[in-house]
N, C-alpha and C. Protein backbone atom coordinates (compact mmCIF):
# COMPACT_ATOMS: atom_id res chain seq x y z
N MET A 1 -14.76 -18.33 12.83
CA MET A 1 -15.72 -17.43 12.20
C MET A 1 -14.99 -16.17 11.75
N SER A 2 -15.07 -15.88 10.47
CA SER A 2 -14.38 -14.70 9.97
C SER A 2 -15.30 -13.48 9.99
N VAL A 3 -14.68 -12.33 10.14
CA VAL A 3 -15.39 -11.05 10.17
C VAL A 3 -15.56 -10.58 8.73
N PRO A 4 -16.72 -10.08 8.34
CA PRO A 4 -16.88 -9.60 6.97
C PRO A 4 -15.99 -8.37 6.71
N LEU A 5 -15.47 -8.28 5.52
CA LEU A 5 -14.63 -7.15 5.14
C LEU A 5 -15.51 -5.94 4.89
N GLU A 6 -15.24 -4.86 5.63
CA GLU A 6 -16.04 -3.64 5.53
C GLU A 6 -15.18 -2.41 5.23
N ARG A 7 -13.88 -2.50 5.48
CA ARG A 7 -13.00 -1.35 5.32
C ARG A 7 -11.81 -1.72 4.44
N LEU A 8 -11.24 -0.68 3.82
CA LEU A 8 -10.14 -0.84 2.89
C LEU A 8 -8.95 -0.02 3.35
N ILE A 9 -7.79 -0.65 3.42
CA ILE A 9 -6.54 0.04 3.72
C ILE A 9 -5.65 -0.13 2.50
N VAL A 10 -5.30 0.99 1.87
CA VAL A 10 -4.48 1.00 0.67
C VAL A 10 -3.09 1.49 1.05
N VAL A 11 -2.06 0.74 0.67
CA VAL A 11 -0.68 1.22 0.80
C VAL A 11 -0.20 1.53 -0.61
N ALA A 12 0.02 2.80 -0.86
CA ALA A 12 0.44 3.22 -2.20
C ALA A 12 1.92 2.89 -2.40
N GLY A 13 2.20 2.12 -3.44
CA GLY A 13 3.57 1.74 -3.74
C GLY A 13 4.33 2.86 -4.42
N HIS A 14 5.65 2.86 -4.22
CA HIS A 14 6.50 3.89 -4.82
C HIS A 14 7.74 3.30 -5.48
N ALA A 15 8.06 2.06 -5.15
CA ALA A 15 9.25 1.38 -5.68
C ALA A 15 8.99 -0.12 -5.53
N VAL A 16 9.89 -0.93 -6.06
CA VAL A 16 9.71 -2.39 -6.03
C VAL A 16 10.79 -3.02 -5.14
N TRP A 17 10.36 -3.72 -4.10
CA TRP A 17 11.30 -4.42 -3.23
C TRP A 17 11.85 -5.63 -3.97
N ARG A 18 13.15 -5.86 -3.87
CA ARG A 18 13.82 -6.92 -4.63
C ARG A 18 13.65 -8.32 -4.04
N ASP A 19 13.23 -8.43 -2.80
CA ASP A 19 13.05 -9.72 -2.15
C ASP A 19 14.35 -10.50 -2.09
N VAL A 20 15.37 -9.84 -1.60
CA VAL A 20 16.67 -10.46 -1.41
C VAL A 20 16.72 -10.99 0.03
N PRO A 21 16.88 -12.31 0.23
CA PRO A 21 16.89 -12.86 1.59
C PRO A 21 17.90 -12.14 2.49
N GLY A 22 17.42 -11.74 3.65
CA GLY A 22 18.28 -11.08 4.64
C GLY A 22 18.61 -9.63 4.32
N ALA A 23 18.04 -9.10 3.25
CA ALA A 23 18.36 -7.72 2.85
C ALA A 23 17.76 -6.72 3.82
N ASP A 24 18.49 -5.68 4.08
CA ASP A 24 17.99 -4.55 4.86
C ASP A 24 17.08 -3.75 3.92
N ALA A 25 15.80 -3.69 4.24
CA ALA A 25 14.85 -3.02 3.35
C ALA A 25 15.14 -1.53 3.22
N GLY A 26 15.91 -0.98 4.14
CA GLY A 26 16.26 0.43 4.05
C GLY A 26 17.39 0.72 3.08
N ALA A 27 18.11 -0.32 2.67
CA ALA A 27 19.23 -0.14 1.75
C ALA A 27 18.73 0.08 0.33
N ASP A 28 19.35 1.02 -0.36
CA ASP A 28 18.95 1.30 -1.74
C ASP A 28 19.01 0.05 -2.61
N GLU A 29 19.98 -0.82 -2.36
CA GLU A 29 20.15 -2.03 -3.17
C GLU A 29 18.99 -3.00 -3.01
N ALA A 30 18.16 -2.81 -2.01
CA ALA A 30 17.03 -3.70 -1.77
C ALA A 30 15.80 -3.32 -2.60
N TRP A 31 15.91 -2.25 -3.38
CA TRP A 31 14.77 -1.73 -4.13
C TRP A 31 15.15 -1.42 -5.57
N TRP A 32 14.19 -1.64 -6.47
CA TRP A 32 14.27 -1.03 -7.79
C TRP A 32 13.56 0.30 -7.61
N MET A 33 14.27 1.37 -7.79
CA MET A 33 13.70 2.70 -7.54
C MET A 33 14.32 3.71 -8.49
N ALA A 34 13.68 4.85 -8.58
CA ALA A 34 14.21 5.95 -9.39
C ALA A 34 15.38 6.61 -8.64
N GLU A 35 16.23 7.25 -9.37
CA GLU A 35 17.41 7.90 -8.77
C GLU A 35 17.01 8.89 -7.68
N PHE A 36 15.95 9.66 -7.91
CA PHE A 36 15.55 10.67 -6.92
C PHE A 36 15.01 10.05 -5.62
N GLN A 37 14.76 8.73 -5.62
CA GLN A 37 14.26 8.05 -4.43
C GLN A 37 15.36 7.47 -3.55
N ARG A 38 16.59 7.60 -3.95
CA ARG A 38 17.70 7.02 -3.18
C ARG A 38 17.61 7.46 -1.72
N GLY A 39 17.76 6.48 -0.82
CA GLY A 39 17.71 6.75 0.61
C GLY A 39 16.32 6.63 1.23
N GLU A 40 15.32 6.26 0.43
CA GLU A 40 13.94 6.22 0.94
C GLU A 40 13.41 4.81 1.21
N GLY A 41 14.24 3.79 1.05
CA GLY A 41 13.78 2.42 1.25
C GLY A 41 13.19 2.18 2.62
N ALA A 42 13.78 2.76 3.65
CA ALA A 42 13.26 2.56 5.02
C ALA A 42 11.84 3.12 5.15
N VAL A 43 11.56 4.20 4.42
CA VAL A 43 10.22 4.78 4.48
C VAL A 43 9.23 3.87 3.75
N PHE A 44 9.63 3.31 2.62
CA PHE A 44 8.74 2.38 1.91
C PHE A 44 8.36 1.22 2.83
N GLU A 45 9.35 0.70 3.56
CA GLU A 45 9.06 -0.38 4.50
C GLU A 45 8.15 0.10 5.62
N ALA A 46 8.40 1.29 6.14
CA ALA A 46 7.57 1.83 7.23
C ALA A 46 6.12 2.02 6.78
N GLN A 47 5.92 2.42 5.53
CA GLN A 47 4.56 2.59 5.03
C GLN A 47 3.83 1.25 4.97
N MET A 48 4.49 0.22 4.47
CA MET A 48 3.85 -1.10 4.43
C MET A 48 3.60 -1.63 5.83
N ARG A 49 4.56 -1.43 6.70
CA ARG A 49 4.37 -1.89 8.08
C ARG A 49 3.17 -1.19 8.72
N ARG A 50 3.02 0.12 8.47
CA ARG A 50 1.87 0.84 9.03
C ARG A 50 0.57 0.28 8.47
N GLY A 51 0.54 -0.05 7.19
CA GLY A 51 -0.66 -0.67 6.63
C GLY A 51 -0.98 -1.99 7.30
N VAL A 52 0.03 -2.81 7.53
CA VAL A 52 -0.16 -4.10 8.22
C VAL A 52 -0.67 -3.84 9.64
N GLU A 53 -0.10 -2.88 10.34
CA GLU A 53 -0.54 -2.57 11.71
C GLU A 53 -2.00 -2.13 11.73
N ARG A 54 -2.38 -1.29 10.78
CA ARG A 54 -3.77 -0.82 10.70
C ARG A 54 -4.71 -2.00 10.43
N ALA A 55 -4.33 -2.87 9.52
CA ALA A 55 -5.16 -4.04 9.21
C ALA A 55 -5.23 -4.99 10.40
N ALA A 56 -4.14 -5.15 11.12
CA ALA A 56 -4.15 -6.03 12.30
C ALA A 56 -5.09 -5.51 13.38
N ALA A 57 -5.19 -4.20 13.49
CA ALA A 57 -6.06 -3.60 14.49
C ALA A 57 -7.54 -3.62 14.08
N ASP A 58 -7.81 -4.00 12.83
CA ASP A 58 -9.18 -3.98 12.32
C ASP A 58 -9.45 -5.26 11.53
N PRO A 59 -10.00 -6.29 12.18
CA PRO A 59 -10.23 -7.56 11.50
C PRO A 59 -11.22 -7.48 10.34
N GLY A 60 -11.91 -6.35 10.19
CA GLY A 60 -12.82 -6.17 9.07
C GLY A 60 -12.21 -5.38 7.93
N ALA A 61 -10.88 -5.25 7.93
CA ALA A 61 -10.20 -4.46 6.90
C ALA A 61 -9.44 -5.36 5.93
N LEU A 62 -9.53 -5.00 4.66
CA LEU A 62 -8.74 -5.62 3.60
C LEU A 62 -7.54 -4.72 3.34
N LEU A 63 -6.35 -5.29 3.39
CA LEU A 63 -5.11 -4.56 3.12
C LEU A 63 -4.76 -4.73 1.65
N VAL A 64 -4.59 -3.61 0.95
CA VAL A 64 -4.28 -3.67 -0.48
C VAL A 64 -3.06 -2.80 -0.78
N PRO A 65 -1.87 -3.42 -0.87
CA PRO A 65 -0.75 -2.68 -1.43
C PRO A 65 -1.03 -2.47 -2.91
N SER A 66 -0.78 -1.26 -3.40
CA SER A 66 -1.16 -0.92 -4.77
C SER A 66 0.02 -0.34 -5.53
N GLY A 67 0.24 -0.87 -6.72
CA GLY A 67 1.27 -0.34 -7.59
C GLY A 67 1.61 -1.35 -8.67
N GLY A 68 1.75 -0.86 -9.88
CA GLY A 68 1.98 -1.72 -11.02
C GLY A 68 3.44 -2.05 -11.28
N ARG A 69 3.69 -2.55 -12.45
CA ARG A 69 5.05 -2.91 -12.89
C ARG A 69 5.69 -1.65 -13.47
N THR A 70 6.25 -0.87 -12.59
CA THR A 70 6.76 0.46 -12.96
C THR A 70 8.25 0.49 -13.25
N HIS A 71 8.94 -0.61 -13.02
CA HIS A 71 10.39 -0.64 -13.24
C HIS A 71 10.72 -1.77 -14.21
N ALA A 72 11.34 -1.42 -15.32
CA ALA A 72 11.62 -2.38 -16.39
C ALA A 72 12.44 -3.58 -15.92
N ASP A 73 13.33 -3.39 -14.97
CA ASP A 73 14.19 -4.49 -14.51
C ASP A 73 13.51 -5.40 -13.50
N ALA A 74 12.40 -4.96 -12.94
CA ALA A 74 11.73 -5.72 -11.87
C ALA A 74 10.85 -6.82 -12.46
N PRO A 75 10.94 -8.05 -11.91
CA PRO A 75 10.11 -9.15 -12.41
C PRO A 75 8.70 -9.16 -11.83
N TRP A 76 8.38 -8.23 -10.95
CA TRP A 76 7.03 -8.14 -10.37
C TRP A 76 6.69 -6.69 -10.10
N SER A 77 5.48 -6.47 -9.66
CA SER A 77 4.94 -5.13 -9.45
C SER A 77 5.37 -4.54 -8.11
N GLU A 78 5.11 -3.25 -7.95
CA GLU A 78 5.33 -2.59 -6.66
C GLU A 78 4.49 -3.28 -5.58
N ALA A 79 3.23 -3.57 -5.90
CA ALA A 79 2.34 -4.21 -4.92
C ALA A 79 2.85 -5.59 -4.52
N GLU A 80 3.26 -6.40 -5.48
CA GLU A 80 3.79 -7.72 -5.15
C GLU A 80 5.06 -7.59 -4.33
N GLY A 81 5.89 -6.62 -4.64
CA GLY A 81 7.10 -6.39 -3.84
C GLY A 81 6.77 -6.07 -2.39
N LEU A 82 5.73 -5.26 -2.17
CA LEU A 82 5.34 -4.93 -0.80
C LEU A 82 4.80 -6.16 -0.06
N LEU A 83 4.05 -7.01 -0.76
CA LEU A 83 3.59 -8.25 -0.12
C LEU A 83 4.77 -9.17 0.20
N ARG A 84 5.73 -9.25 -0.70
CA ARG A 84 6.92 -10.07 -0.45
C ARG A 84 7.69 -9.53 0.75
N LEU A 85 7.77 -8.22 0.87
CA LEU A 85 8.44 -7.61 2.02
C LEU A 85 7.72 -7.99 3.31
N ALA A 86 6.39 -7.87 3.32
CA ALA A 86 5.63 -8.22 4.52
C ALA A 86 5.84 -9.69 4.90
N ARG A 87 5.82 -10.57 3.90
CA ARG A 87 6.07 -11.99 4.19
C ARG A 87 7.46 -12.19 4.75
N ALA A 88 8.45 -11.56 4.16
CA ALA A 88 9.84 -11.70 4.62
C ALA A 88 10.01 -11.20 6.04
N ARG A 89 9.23 -10.21 6.43
CA ARG A 89 9.31 -9.66 7.79
C ARG A 89 8.34 -10.38 8.74
N GLY A 90 7.75 -11.48 8.28
CA GLY A 90 6.80 -12.22 9.12
C GLY A 90 5.60 -11.38 9.48
N TRP A 91 5.22 -10.49 8.56
CA TRP A 91 4.09 -9.60 8.77
C TRP A 91 4.26 -8.79 10.05
N TRP A 92 5.51 -8.60 10.46
CA TRP A 92 5.84 -7.85 11.67
C TRP A 92 5.06 -8.38 12.88
N GLY A 93 4.95 -9.72 12.93
CA GLY A 93 4.29 -10.37 14.05
C GLY A 93 2.77 -10.39 13.96
N ARG A 94 2.23 -10.03 12.82
CA ARG A 94 0.78 -9.97 12.65
C ARG A 94 0.35 -10.85 11.48
N ASP A 95 0.65 -12.14 11.59
CA ASP A 95 0.39 -13.11 10.52
C ASP A 95 -1.06 -13.16 10.06
N GLU A 96 -1.98 -12.81 10.96
CA GLU A 96 -3.40 -12.90 10.61
C GLU A 96 -3.78 -11.99 9.46
N VAL A 97 -2.98 -10.98 9.18
CA VAL A 97 -3.27 -10.04 8.10
C VAL A 97 -3.07 -10.69 6.73
N ALA A 98 -2.21 -11.68 6.64
CA ALA A 98 -1.90 -12.31 5.35
C ALA A 98 -3.16 -12.79 4.62
N ALA A 99 -4.12 -13.31 5.34
CA ALA A 99 -5.34 -13.82 4.72
C ALA A 99 -6.25 -12.70 4.24
N ARG A 100 -5.96 -11.47 4.67
CA ARG A 100 -6.77 -10.31 4.28
C ARG A 100 -5.94 -9.28 3.52
N ALA A 101 -4.99 -9.76 2.75
CA ALA A 101 -4.14 -8.88 1.96
C ALA A 101 -4.19 -9.32 0.50
N ALA A 102 -4.31 -8.36 -0.39
CA ALA A 102 -4.37 -8.65 -1.82
C ALA A 102 -3.67 -7.55 -2.60
N ALA A 103 -2.79 -7.93 -3.48
CA ALA A 103 -2.05 -6.95 -4.29
C ALA A 103 -2.94 -6.38 -5.39
N GLU A 104 -2.83 -5.08 -5.59
CA GLU A 104 -3.45 -4.40 -6.74
C GLU A 104 -2.27 -4.04 -7.64
N GLU A 105 -2.11 -4.72 -8.76
CA GLU A 105 -0.88 -4.67 -9.54
C GLU A 105 -0.96 -3.87 -10.85
N HIS A 106 -1.90 -2.97 -10.96
CA HIS A 106 -2.05 -2.25 -12.23
C HIS A 106 -1.86 -0.75 -12.13
N ALA A 107 -1.95 -0.18 -10.94
CA ALA A 107 -1.89 1.28 -10.77
C ALA A 107 -0.55 1.85 -11.20
N ARG A 108 -0.63 3.00 -11.88
CA ARG A 108 0.57 3.71 -12.32
C ARG A 108 0.72 5.06 -11.63
N ASP A 109 -0.30 5.48 -10.91
CA ASP A 109 -0.25 6.77 -10.22
C ASP A 109 -1.22 6.74 -9.04
N SER A 110 -1.30 7.83 -8.31
CA SER A 110 -2.11 7.84 -7.08
C SER A 110 -3.61 7.71 -7.35
N LEU A 111 -4.11 8.31 -8.42
CA LEU A 111 -5.53 8.13 -8.74
C LEU A 111 -5.83 6.65 -8.97
N GLU A 112 -4.98 5.99 -9.74
CA GLU A 112 -5.20 4.57 -10.00
C GLU A 112 -4.99 3.73 -8.75
N ASN A 113 -4.07 4.12 -7.84
CA ASN A 113 -3.94 3.41 -6.56
C ASN A 113 -5.30 3.34 -5.88
N LEU A 114 -5.97 4.47 -5.79
CA LEU A 114 -7.26 4.53 -5.10
C LEU A 114 -8.36 3.84 -5.90
N LEU A 115 -8.50 4.20 -7.16
CA LEU A 115 -9.58 3.67 -8.00
C LEU A 115 -9.50 2.15 -8.13
N PHE A 116 -8.31 1.63 -8.45
CA PHE A 116 -8.18 0.19 -8.66
C PHE A 116 -8.31 -0.60 -7.36
N ALA A 117 -7.86 -0.02 -6.24
CA ALA A 117 -8.03 -0.70 -4.95
C ALA A 117 -9.52 -0.77 -4.58
N LEU A 118 -10.24 0.31 -4.84
CA LEU A 118 -11.69 0.29 -4.61
C LEU A 118 -12.37 -0.76 -5.47
N ALA A 119 -12.00 -0.80 -6.74
CA ALA A 119 -12.59 -1.80 -7.64
C ALA A 119 -12.26 -3.22 -7.18
N GLY A 120 -11.03 -3.43 -6.72
CA GLY A 120 -10.65 -4.75 -6.22
C GLY A 120 -11.44 -5.15 -4.98
N PHE A 121 -11.67 -4.19 -4.08
CA PHE A 121 -12.48 -4.46 -2.88
C PHE A 121 -13.89 -4.87 -3.31
N HIS A 122 -14.45 -4.10 -4.23
CA HIS A 122 -15.81 -4.41 -4.70
C HIS A 122 -15.86 -5.77 -5.39
N GLY A 123 -14.85 -6.06 -6.18
CA GLY A 123 -14.81 -7.35 -6.86
C GLY A 123 -14.72 -8.51 -5.89
N ARG A 124 -14.04 -8.31 -4.79
CA ARG A 124 -13.87 -9.38 -3.80
C ARG A 124 -15.09 -9.55 -2.91
N THR A 125 -15.75 -8.43 -2.56
CA THR A 125 -16.82 -8.48 -1.57
C THR A 125 -18.22 -8.27 -2.15
N GLY A 126 -18.30 -7.70 -3.35
CA GLY A 126 -19.60 -7.39 -3.93
C GLY A 126 -20.20 -6.09 -3.41
N ARG A 127 -19.43 -5.34 -2.63
CA ARG A 127 -19.92 -4.05 -2.11
C ARG A 127 -18.74 -3.09 -1.98
N TRP A 128 -19.05 -1.83 -1.73
CA TRP A 128 -18.01 -0.82 -1.53
C TRP A 128 -17.63 -0.76 -0.07
N PRO A 129 -16.40 -0.40 0.25
CA PRO A 129 -16.01 -0.33 1.66
C PRO A 129 -16.72 0.81 2.38
N ALA A 130 -16.96 0.62 3.67
CA ALA A 130 -17.58 1.66 4.49
C ALA A 130 -16.57 2.77 4.79
N ARG A 131 -15.30 2.44 4.75
CA ARG A 131 -14.25 3.42 5.04
C ARG A 131 -12.99 3.05 4.27
N VAL A 132 -12.26 4.05 3.83
CA VAL A 132 -11.01 3.87 3.10
C VAL A 132 -9.91 4.66 3.81
N THR A 133 -8.79 4.01 4.03
CA THR A 133 -7.60 4.68 4.55
C THR A 133 -6.46 4.43 3.57
N VAL A 134 -5.77 5.49 3.18
CA VAL A 134 -4.63 5.38 2.29
C VAL A 134 -3.37 5.70 3.08
N VAL A 135 -2.40 4.80 3.05
CA VAL A 135 -1.10 5.02 3.69
C VAL A 135 -0.12 5.41 2.58
N THR A 136 0.48 6.58 2.72
CA THR A 136 1.37 7.12 1.70
C THR A 136 2.23 8.22 2.31
N TRP A 137 2.90 8.97 1.47
CA TRP A 137 3.66 10.13 1.92
C TRP A 137 2.71 11.20 2.46
N PRO A 138 3.08 11.93 3.52
CA PRO A 138 2.21 13.00 4.02
C PRO A 138 1.88 14.05 2.96
N PHE A 139 2.83 14.38 2.10
CA PHE A 139 2.59 15.44 1.12
C PHE A 139 1.55 15.03 0.06
N LYS A 140 1.19 13.76 0.00
CA LYS A 140 0.20 13.31 -0.97
C LYS A 140 -1.23 13.35 -0.43
N ALA A 141 -1.42 13.80 0.81
CA ALA A 141 -2.76 13.84 1.39
C ALA A 141 -3.70 14.72 0.57
N GLU A 142 -3.24 15.88 0.16
CA GLU A 142 -4.10 16.76 -0.63
C GLU A 142 -4.44 16.13 -1.97
N ARG A 143 -3.47 15.52 -2.60
CA ARG A 143 -3.69 14.85 -3.89
C ARG A 143 -4.74 13.75 -3.76
N PHE A 144 -4.61 12.90 -2.74
CA PHE A 144 -5.60 11.84 -2.55
C PHE A 144 -6.97 12.41 -2.20
N GLY A 145 -6.99 13.55 -1.50
CA GLY A 145 -8.26 14.23 -1.24
C GLY A 145 -8.95 14.66 -2.52
N LEU A 146 -8.17 15.15 -3.47
CA LEU A 146 -8.73 15.53 -4.78
C LEU A 146 -9.25 14.30 -5.52
N HIS A 147 -8.50 13.21 -5.46
CA HIS A 147 -8.95 11.97 -6.10
C HIS A 147 -10.25 11.48 -5.46
N ARG A 148 -10.31 11.54 -4.15
CA ARG A 148 -11.52 11.13 -3.42
C ARG A 148 -12.71 11.94 -3.92
N ARG A 149 -12.54 13.25 -4.01
CA ARG A 149 -13.63 14.12 -4.48
C ARG A 149 -14.01 13.78 -5.92
N ALA A 150 -13.01 13.57 -6.77
CA ALA A 150 -13.29 13.25 -8.18
C ALA A 150 -14.09 11.96 -8.31
N LEU A 151 -13.85 11.02 -7.41
CA LEU A 151 -14.57 9.74 -7.44
C LEU A 151 -15.91 9.81 -6.71
N GLY A 152 -16.19 10.95 -6.08
CA GLY A 152 -17.45 11.10 -5.35
C GLY A 152 -17.48 10.36 -4.03
N TRP A 153 -16.29 10.06 -3.48
CA TRP A 153 -16.23 9.32 -2.22
C TRP A 153 -16.45 10.29 -1.06
N PRO A 154 -17.27 9.95 -0.07
CA PRO A 154 -17.55 10.88 1.03
C PRO A 154 -16.33 11.13 1.93
N ALA A 155 -16.14 12.39 2.28
CA ALA A 155 -15.00 12.79 3.11
C ALA A 155 -14.99 12.09 4.46
N GLU A 156 -16.16 11.89 5.03
CA GLU A 156 -16.24 11.28 6.37
C GLU A 156 -15.89 9.78 6.35
N ALA A 157 -15.78 9.21 5.18
CA ALA A 157 -15.44 7.79 5.06
C ALA A 157 -14.06 7.60 4.43
N PHE A 158 -13.20 8.61 4.61
CA PHE A 158 -11.90 8.60 3.92
C PHE A 158 -10.84 9.25 4.79
N ALA A 159 -9.65 8.62 4.81
CA ALA A 159 -8.52 9.20 5.55
C ALA A 159 -7.23 8.90 4.81
N VAL A 160 -6.28 9.79 4.97
CA VAL A 160 -4.93 9.57 4.46
C VAL A 160 -4.01 9.61 5.65
N GLU A 161 -3.19 8.57 5.79
CA GLU A 161 -2.22 8.54 6.87
C GLU A 161 -0.83 8.68 6.26
N GLY A 162 -0.22 9.80 6.51
CA GLY A 162 1.11 10.07 5.98
C GLY A 162 2.19 9.45 6.85
N VAL A 163 3.14 8.79 6.19
CA VAL A 163 4.25 8.14 6.88
C VAL A 163 5.55 8.56 6.18
N GLY A 164 6.47 9.14 6.92
CA GLY A 164 7.80 9.44 6.40
C GLY A 164 7.86 10.75 5.65
N ALA A 165 9.06 11.03 5.19
CA ALA A 165 9.30 12.23 4.38
C ALA A 165 10.35 11.87 3.32
N PRO A 166 10.13 12.35 2.11
CA PRO A 166 11.11 12.08 1.06
C PRO A 166 12.48 12.66 1.43
N VAL A 167 13.53 12.04 0.96
CA VAL A 167 14.88 12.54 1.21
C VAL A 167 15.06 13.90 0.55
N ARG A 168 14.54 14.04 -0.66
CA ARG A 168 14.65 15.30 -1.41
C ARG A 168 13.25 15.85 -1.65
N GLU A 169 12.97 17.01 -1.09
CA GLU A 169 11.65 17.63 -1.33
C GLU A 169 11.81 18.86 -2.16
């Protein structure tokens, strides 16, 4: 018996994992990323892992890595790269999350990460989530709060969980 999906966990993508077998996800070579992101691969992995952990702790949550095809050399989106990373890591021992994970592959910025993930949740379930959690950089909490307000989403049904710190601030 499956639990109905009531909550949404969004992992905002920032780069594209290359899906190289045996690659250390923290190594710059494991990611298609911008020059200013060098050294941040381990944080990208930590953010996805935190999203998987949150979804594993909540069987009523849909995990949505979000991010479009932002790198010309990459054959897939940021979101697909994050799903490939989770699969390669065996979902960090939480395989049950795989059935409740869906890539949002169109977002180009943080507003679209939130908006398109919400739309995808609604498209899948026919209703809006009771609660939304966004996993991203801590410094983006205020930005996502502004997006939440712009979309009319209630503050009490919204959280941002910051993971990591950029190498260059």
